[in-house]
Amino acid sequence: MSSDEIRQLEKEVKKNKRLASEQAMELHDLIEDRLPDAYQELMGIAQATYDACKAWDEANQKLNAAQAATA
């Protein structure tokens, strides 16, 4: 894998990590500030947080594999 492709993967990992962190903050805000009144939002926000974290994990695994293959 070329260094440009690895840099692109690194960029994707950083982006996905940022998105996962933003979702985690939204979940935290819901738990800290709006529950129990906003309990209807819990499943949607939790699923979005899970999906964002999973996307980061998949991108990170891909990056780690590419880096190991070029080492």
PDB file of N, CA and C in Angstrom:
ATOM      1  N   MET A   1       0.847  -1.169   0.000  1.00  0.00           N
ATOM      2  CA  MET A   1       0.000   0.000   0.000  1.00  0.00           C
ATOM      3  C   MET A   1       0.897   1.238   0.000  1.00  0.00           C
ATOM      4  N   SER A   2       0.549   2.217  -0.783  1.00  0.00           N
ATOM      5  CA  SER A   2       1.385   3.415  -0.902  1.00  0.00           C
ATOM      6  C   SER A   2       1.228   4.318   0.322  1.00  0.00           C
ATOM      7  N   SER A   3       2.177   5.205   0.477  1.00  0.00           N
ATOM      8  CA  SER A   3       2.126   6.138   1.605  1.00  0.00           C
ATOM      9  C   SER A   3       0.928   7.076   1.485  1.00  0.00           C
ATOM     10  N   ASP A   4       0.523   7.401   0.264  1.00  0.00           N
ATOM     11  CA  ASP A   4      -0.665   8.237   0.068  1.00  0.00           C
ATOM     12  C   ASP A   4      -1.923   7.515   0.540  1.00  0.00           C
ATOM     13  N   GLU A   5      -2.007   6.224   0.261  1.00  0.00           N
ATOM     14  CA  GLU A   5      -3.159   5.442   0.695  1.00  0.00           C
ATOM     15  C   GLU A   5      -3.184   5.311   2.217  1.00  0.00           C
ATOM     16  N   ILE A   6      -2.039   5.160   2.820  1.00  0.00           N
ATOM     17  CA  ILE A   6      -1.979   5.082   4.284  1.00  0.00           C
ATOM     18  C   ILE A   6      -2.370   6.426   4.896  1.00  0.00           C
ATOM     19  N   ARG A   7      -1.909   7.504   4.320  1.00  0.00           N
ATOM     20  CA  ARG A   7      -2.307   8.833   4.808  1.00  0.00           C
ATOM     21  C   ARG A   7      -3.811   9.028   4.697  1.00  0.00           C
ATOM     22  N   GLN A   8      -4.403   8.523   3.621  1.00  0.00           N
ATOM     23  CA  GLN A   8      -5.855   8.618   3.452  1.00  0.00           C
ATOM     24  C   GLN A   8      -6.572   7.814   4.537  1.00  0.00           C
ATOM     25  N   LEU A   9      -6.054   6.625   4.845  1.00  0.00           N
ATOM     26  CA  LEU A   9      -6.636   5.823   5.917  1.00  0.00           C
ATOM     27  C   LEU A   9      -6.501   6.530   7.268  1.00  0.00           C
ATOM     28  N   GLU A  10      -5.352   7.152   7.512  1.00  0.00           N
ATOM     29  CA  GLU A  10      -5.158   7.895   8.758  1.00  0.00           C
ATOM     30  C   GLU A  10      -6.170   9.023   8.876  1.00  0.00           C
ATOM     31  N   LYS A  11      -6.412   9.696   7.763  1.00  0.00           N
ATOM     32  CA  LYS A  11      -7.388  10.780   7.728  1.00  0.00           C
ATOM     33  C   LYS A  11      -8.792  10.253   8.042  1.00  0.00           C
ATOM     34  N   GLU A  12      -9.123   9.110   7.475  1.00  0.00           N
ATOM     35  CA  GLU A  12     -10.421   8.489   7.718  1.00  0.00           C
ATOM     36  C   GLU A  12     -10.578   8.088   9.186  1.00  0.00           C
ATOM     37  N   VAL A  13      -9.519   7.557   9.780  1.00  0.00           N
ATOM     38  CA  VAL A  13      -9.565   7.170  11.194  1.00  0.00           C
ATOM     39  C   VAL A  13      -9.805   8.405  12.061  1.00  0.00           C
ATOM     40  N   LYS A  14      -9.076   9.482  11.797  1.00  0.00           N
ATOM     41  CA  LYS A  14      -9.242  10.712  12.580  1.00  0.00           C
ATOM     42  C   LYS A  14     -10.660  11.260  12.448  1.00  0.00           C
ATOM     43  N   LYS A  15     -11.190  11.250  11.231  1.00  0.00           N
ATOM     44  CA  LYS A  15     -12.546  11.747  11.004  1.00  0.00           C
ATOM     45  C   LYS A  15     -13.558  10.893  11.766  1.00  0.00           C
ATOM     46  N   ASN A  16     -13.415   9.578  11.668  1.00  0.00           N
ATOM     47  CA  ASN A  16     -14.347   8.688  12.348  1.00  0.00           C
ATOM     48  C   ASN A  16     -14.229   8.807  13.866  1.00  0.00           C
ATOM     49  N   LYS A  17     -13.027   9.041  14.362  1.00  0.00           N
ATOM     50  CA  LYS A  17     -12.857   9.222  15.797  1.00  0.00           C
ATOM     51  C   LYS A  17     -13.547  10.500  16.258  1.00  0.00           C
ATOM     52  N   ARG A  18     -13.423  11.556  15.482  1.00  0.00           N
ATOM     53  CA  ARG A  18     -14.093  12.817  15.812  1.00  0.00           C
ATOM     54  C   ARG A  18     -15.602  12.631  15.833  1.00  0.00           C
ATOM     55  N   LEU A  19     -16.136  11.946  14.819  1.00  0.00           N
ATOM     56  CA  LEU A  19     -17.578  11.710  14.761  1.00  0.00           C
ATOM     57  C   LEU A  19     -18.056  10.853  15.928  1.00  0.00           C
ATOM     58  N   ALA A  20     -17.274   9.840  16.295  1.00  0.00           N
ATOM     59  CA  ALA A  20     -17.629   8.998  17.433  1.00  0.00           C
ATOM     60  C   ALA A  20     -17.618   9.807  18.728  1.00  0.00           C
ATOM     61  N   SER A  21     -16.638  10.683  18.878  1.00  0.00           N
ATOM     62  CA  SER A  21     -16.566  11.530  20.072  1.00  0.00           C
ATOM     63  C   SER A  21     -17.752  12.478  20.150  1.00  0.00           C
ATOM     64  N   GLU A  22     -18.150  13.023  19.011  1.00  0.00           N
ATOM     65  CA  GLU A  22     -19.316  13.911  18.994  1.00  0.00           C
ATOM     66  C   GLU A  22     -20.581  13.163  19.397  1.00  0.00           C
ATOM     67  N   GLN A  23     -20.732  11.938  18.895  1.00  0.00           N
ATOM     68  CA  GLN A  23     -21.900  11.128  19.271  1.00  0.00           C
ATOM     69  C   GLN A  23     -21.861  10.783  20.754  1.00  0.00           C
ATOM     70  N   ALA A  24     -20.681  10.471  21.264  1.00  0.00           N
ATOM     71  CA  ALA A  24     -20.546  10.150  22.686  1.00  0.00           C
ATOM     72  C   ALA A  24     -20.928  11.356  23.541  1.00  0.00           C
ATOM     73  N   MET A  25     -20.551  12.550  23.108  1.00  0.00           N
ATOM     74  CA  MET A  25     -20.930  13.759  23.850  1.00  0.00           C
ATOM     75  C   MET A  25     -22.443  13.956  23.834  1.00  0.00           C
ATOM     76  N   GLU A  26     -23.065  13.673  22.689  1.00  0.00           N
ATOM     77  CA  GLU A  26     -24.517  13.799  22.603  1.00  0.00           C
ATOM     78  C   GLU A  26     -25.199  12.816  23.556  1.00  0.00           C
ATOM     79  N   LEU A  27     -24.694  11.600  23.600  1.00  0.00           N
ATOM     80  CA  LEU A  27     -25.232  10.592  24.519  1.00  0.00           C
ATOM     81  C   LEU A  27     -25.014  11.029  25.973  1.00  0.00           C
ATOM     82  N   HIS A  28     -23.841  11.534  26.268  1.00  0.00           N
ATOM     83  CA  HIS A  28     -23.542  12.017  27.611  1.00  0.00           C
ATOM     84  C   HIS A  28     -24.493  13.141  28.009  1.00  0.00           C
ATOM     85  N   ASP A  29     -24.702  14.095  27.096  1.00  0.00           N
ATOM     86  CA  ASP A  29     -25.605  15.204  27.387  1.00  0.00           C
ATOM     87  C   ASP A  29     -27.023  14.711  27.652  1.00  0.00           C
ATOM     88  N   LEU A  30     -27.466  13.748  26.878  1.00  0.00           N
ATOM     89  CA  LEU A  30     -28.792  13.180  27.096  1.00  0.00           C
ATOM     90  C   LEU A  30     -28.882  12.576  28.495  1.00  0.00           C
ATOM     91  N   ILE A  31     -27.886  11.793  28.859  1.00  0.00           N
ATOM     92  CA  ILE A  31     -27.901  11.117  30.156  1.00  0.00           C
ATOM     93  C   ILE A  31     -27.812  12.123  31.298  1.00  0.00           C
ATOM     94  N   GLU A  32     -26.927  13.071  31.181  1.00  0.00           N
ATOM     95  CA  GLU A  32     -26.706  14.036  32.260  1.00  0.00           C
ATOM     96  C   GLU A  32     -27.813  15.070  32.396  1.00  0.00           C
ATOM     97  N   ASP A  33     -28.355  15.531  31.276  1.00  0.00           N
ATOM     98  CA  ASP A  33     -29.224  16.708  31.319  1.00  0.00           C
ATOM     99  C   ASP A  33     -30.695  16.446  31.030  1.00  0.00           C
ATOM    100  N   ARG A  34     -31.008  15.423  30.246  1.00  0.00           N
ATOM    101  CA  ARG A  34     -32.386  15.339  29.756  1.00  0.00           C
ATOM    102  C   ARG A  34     -33.147  14.102  30.199  1.00  0.00           C
ATOM    103  N   LEU A  35     -32.469  13.128  30.783  1.00  0.00           N
ATOM    104  CA  LEU A  35     -33.188  11.952  31.276  1.00  0.00           C
ATOM    105  C   LEU A  35     -33.774  12.257  32.645  1.00  0.00           C
ATOM    106  N   PRO A  36     -34.871  11.708  33.012  1.00  0.00           N
ATOM    107  CA  PRO A  36     -35.657  10.690  32.341  1.00  0.00           C
ATOM    108  C   PRO A  36     -36.674  11.240  31.339  1.00  0.00           C
ATOM    109  N   ASP A  37     -36.851  12.569  31.277  1.00  0.00           N
ATOM    110  CA  ASP A  37     -37.882  13.131  30.395  1.00  0.00           C
ATOM    111  C   ASP A  37     -37.699  12.757  28.929  1.00  0.00           C
ATOM    112  N   ALA A  38     -36.477  12.682  28.454  1.00  0.00           N
ATOM    113  CA  ALA A  38     -36.209  12.434  27.036  1.00  0.00           C
ATOM    114  C   ALA A  38     -35.829  10.979  26.775  1.00  0.00           C
ATOM    115  N   TYR A  39     -36.386  10.084  27.563  1.00  0.00           N
ATOM    116  CA  TYR A  39     -36.010   8.671  27.424  1.00  0.00           C
ATOM    117  C   TYR A  39     -36.303   8.130  26.027  1.00  0.00           C
ATOM    118  N   GLN A  40     -37.247   8.721  25.302  1.00  0.00           N
ATOM    119  CA  GLN A  40     -37.577   8.251  23.952  1.00  0.00           C
ATOM    120  C   GLN A  40     -36.398   8.419  22.991  1.00  0.00           C
ATOM    121  N   GLU A  41     -35.503   9.335  23.284  1.00  0.00           N
ATOM    122  CA  GLU A  41     -34.351   9.591  22.418  1.00  0.00           C
ATOM    123  C   GLU A  41     -33.197   8.621  22.672  1.00  0.00           C
ATOM    124  N   LEU A  42     -33.236   7.919  23.785  1.00  0.00           N
ATOM    125  CA  LEU A  42     -32.109   7.109  24.222  1.00  0.00           C
ATOM    126  C   LEU A  42     -31.688   6.051  23.204  1.00  0.00           C
ATOM    127  N   MET A  43     -32.617   5.279  22.680  1.00  0.00           N
ATOM    128  CA  MET A  43     -32.250   4.201  21.756  1.00  0.00           C
ATOM    129  C   MET A  43     -31.650   4.737  20.457  1.00  0.00           C
ATOM    130  N   GLY A  44     -32.212   5.807  19.927  1.00  0.00           N
ATOM    131  CA  GLY A  44     -31.687   6.381  18.684  1.00  0.00           C
ATOM    132  C   GLY A  44     -30.280   6.925  18.844  1.00  0.00           C
ATOM    133  N   ILE A  45     -30.050   7.667  19.934  1.00  0.00           N
ATOM    134  CA  ILE A  45     -28.729   8.242  20.174  1.00  0.00           C
ATOM    135  C   ILE A  45     -27.723   7.150  20.510  1.00  0.00           C
ATOM    136  N   ALA A  46     -28.156   6.164  21.287  1.00  0.00           N
ATOM    137  CA  ALA A  46     -27.251   5.056  21.616  1.00  0.00           C
ATOM    138  C   ALA A  46     -26.853   4.292  20.355  1.00  0.00           C
ATOM    139  N   GLN A  47     -27.804   4.040  19.454  1.00  0.00           N
ATOM    140  CA  GLN A  47     -27.491   3.324  18.211  1.00  0.00           C
ATOM    141  C   GLN A  47     -26.547   4.139  17.343  1.00  0.00           C
ATOM    142  N   ALA A  48     -26.787   5.448  17.250  1.00  0.00           N
ATOM    143  CA  ALA A  48     -25.916   6.309  16.452  1.00  0.00           C
ATOM    144  C   ALA A  48     -24.499   6.328  17.036  1.00  0.00           C
ATOM    145  N   THR A  49     -24.393   6.321  18.354  1.00  0.00           N
ATOM    146  CA  THR A  49     -23.091   6.295  19.013  1.00  0.00           C
ATOM    147  C   THR A  49     -22.388   4.973  18.733  1.00  0.00           C
ATOM    148  N   TYR A  50     -23.108   3.876  18.845  1.00  0.00           N
ATOM    149  CA  TYR A  50     -22.548   2.554  18.552  1.00  0.00           C
ATOM    150  C   TYR A  50     -22.054   2.501  17.105  1.00  0.00           C
ATOM    151  N   ASP A  51     -22.873   2.968  16.173  1.00  0.00           N
ATOM    152  CA  ASP A  51     -22.502   2.935  14.757  1.00  0.00           C
ATOM    153  C   ASP A  51     -21.248   3.769  14.485  1.00  0.00           C
ATOM    154  N   ALA A  52     -21.165   4.938  15.107  1.00  0.00           N
ATOM    155  CA  ALA A  52     -19.997   5.807  14.915  1.00  0.00           C
ATOM    156  C   ALA A  52     -18.738   5.146  15.478  1.00  0.00           C
ATOM    157  N   CYS A  53     -18.855   4.521  16.637  1.00  0.00           N
ATOM    158  CA  CYS A  53     -17.705   3.838  17.236  1.00  0.00           C
ATOM    159  C   CYS A  53     -17.294   2.630  16.402  1.00  0.00           C
ATOM    160  N   LYS A  54     -18.261   1.924  15.859  1.00  0.00           N
ATOM    161  CA  LYS A  54     -17.962   0.764  15.014  1.00  0.00           C
ATOM    162  C   LYS A  54     -17.249   1.207  13.735  1.00  0.00           C
ATOM    163  N   ALA A  55     -17.702   2.308  13.143  1.00  0.00           N
ATOM    164  CA  ALA A  55     -17.054   2.831  11.935  1.00  0.00           C
ATOM    165  C   ALA A  55     -15.606   3.214  12.229  1.00  0.00           C
ATOM    166  N   TRP A  56     -15.366   3.844  13.394  1.00  0.00           N
ATOM    167  CA  TRP A  56     -13.995   4.176  13.778  1.00  0.00           C
ATOM    168  C   TRP A  56     -13.163   2.903  13.945  1.00  0.00           C
ATOM    169  N   ASP A  57     -13.718   1.904  14.621  1.00  0.00           N
ATOM    170  CA  ASP A  57     -12.989   0.666  14.866  1.00  0.00           C
ATOM    171  C   ASP A  57     -12.619  -0.024  13.556  1.00  0.00           C
ATOM    172  N   GLU A  58     -13.537  -0.082  12.623  1.00  0.00           N
ATOM    173  CA  GLU A  58     -13.273  -0.730  11.339  1.00  0.00           C
ATOM    174  C   GLU A  58     -12.185   0.017  10.568  1.00  0.00           C
ATOM    175  N   ALA A  59     -12.267   1.349  10.562  1.00  0.00           N
ATOM    176  CA  ALA A  59     -11.249   2.145   9.870  1.00  0.00           C
ATOM    177  C   ALA A  59      -9.895   1.979  10.548  1.00  0.00           C
ATOM    178  N   ASN A  60      -9.890   1.943  11.874  1.00  0.00           N
ATOM    179  CA  ASN A  60      -8.641   1.790  12.619  1.00  0.00           C
ATOM    180  C   ASN A  60      -8.015   0.422  12.364  1.00  0.00           C
ATOM    181  N   GLN A  61      -8.817  -0.617  12.302  1.00  0.00           N
ATOM    182  CA  GLN A  61      -8.301  -1.951  12.003  1.00  0.00           C
ATOM    183  C   GLN A  61      -7.701  -2.010  10.597  1.00  0.00           C
ATOM    184  N   LYS A  62      -8.365  -1.354   9.654  1.00  0.00           N
ATOM    185  CA  LYS A  62      -7.860  -1.306   8.285  1.00  0.00           C
ATOM    186  C   LYS A  62      -6.517  -0.584   8.227  1.00  0.00           C
ATOM    187  N   LEU A  63      -6.415   0.529   8.953  1.00  0.00           N
ATOM    188  CA  LEU A  63      -5.161   1.271   9.010  1.00  0.00           C
ATOM    189  C   LEU A  63      -4.055   0.433   9.649  1.00  0.00           C
ATOM    190  N   ASN A  64      -4.353  -0.203  10.755  1.00  0.00           N
ATOM    191  CA  ASN A  64      -3.351  -1.040  11.437  1.00  0.00           C
ATOM    192  C   ASN A  64      -2.856  -2.164  10.529  1.00  0.00           C
ATOM    193  N   ALA A  65      -3.759  -2.790   9.803  1.00  0.00           N
ATOM    194  CA  ALA A  65      -3.379  -3.858   8.884  1.00  0.00           C
ATOM    195  C   ALA A  65      -2.491  -3.318   7.762  1.00  0.00           C
ATOM    196  N   ALA A  66      -2.835  -2.153   7.229  1.00  0.00           N
ATOM    197  CA  ALA A  66      -2.037  -1.569   6.152  1.00  0.00           C
ATOM    198  C   ALA A  66      -0.655  -1.191   6.651  1.00  0.00           C
ATOM    199  N   GLN A  67      -0.579  -0.641   7.858  1.00  0.00           N
ATOM    200  CA  GLN A  67       0.715  -0.270   8.412  1.00  0.00           C
ATOM    201  C   GLN A  67       1.568  -1.499   8.691  1.00  0.00           C
ATOM    202  N   ALA A  68       0.951  -2.563   9.172  1.00  0.00           N
ATOM    203  CA  ALA A  68       1.688  -3.802   9.441  1.00  0.00           C
ATOM    204  C   ALA A  68       2.187  -4.435   8.144  1.00  0.00           C
ATOM    205  N   ALA A  69       1.408  -4.316   7.095  1.00  0.00           N
ATOM    206  CA  ALA A  69       1.784  -4.911   5.807  1.00  0.00           C
ATOM    207  C   ALA A  69       2.962  -4.171   5.166  1.00  0.00           C
ATOM    208  N   THR A  70       3.095  -2.890   5.475  1.00  0.00           N
ATOM    209  CA  THR A  70       4.185  -2.121   4.863  1.00  0.00           C
ATOM    210  C   THR A  70       5.421  -2.087   5.747  1.00  0.00           C
ATOM    211  N   ALA A  71       5.313  -2.608   6.960  1.00  0.00           N
ATOM    212  CA  ALA A  71       6.458  -2.575   7.892  1.00  0.00           C
ATOM    213  C   ALA A  71       7.448  -3.671   7.589  1.00  0.00           C
TER     214      ALA A  71
END
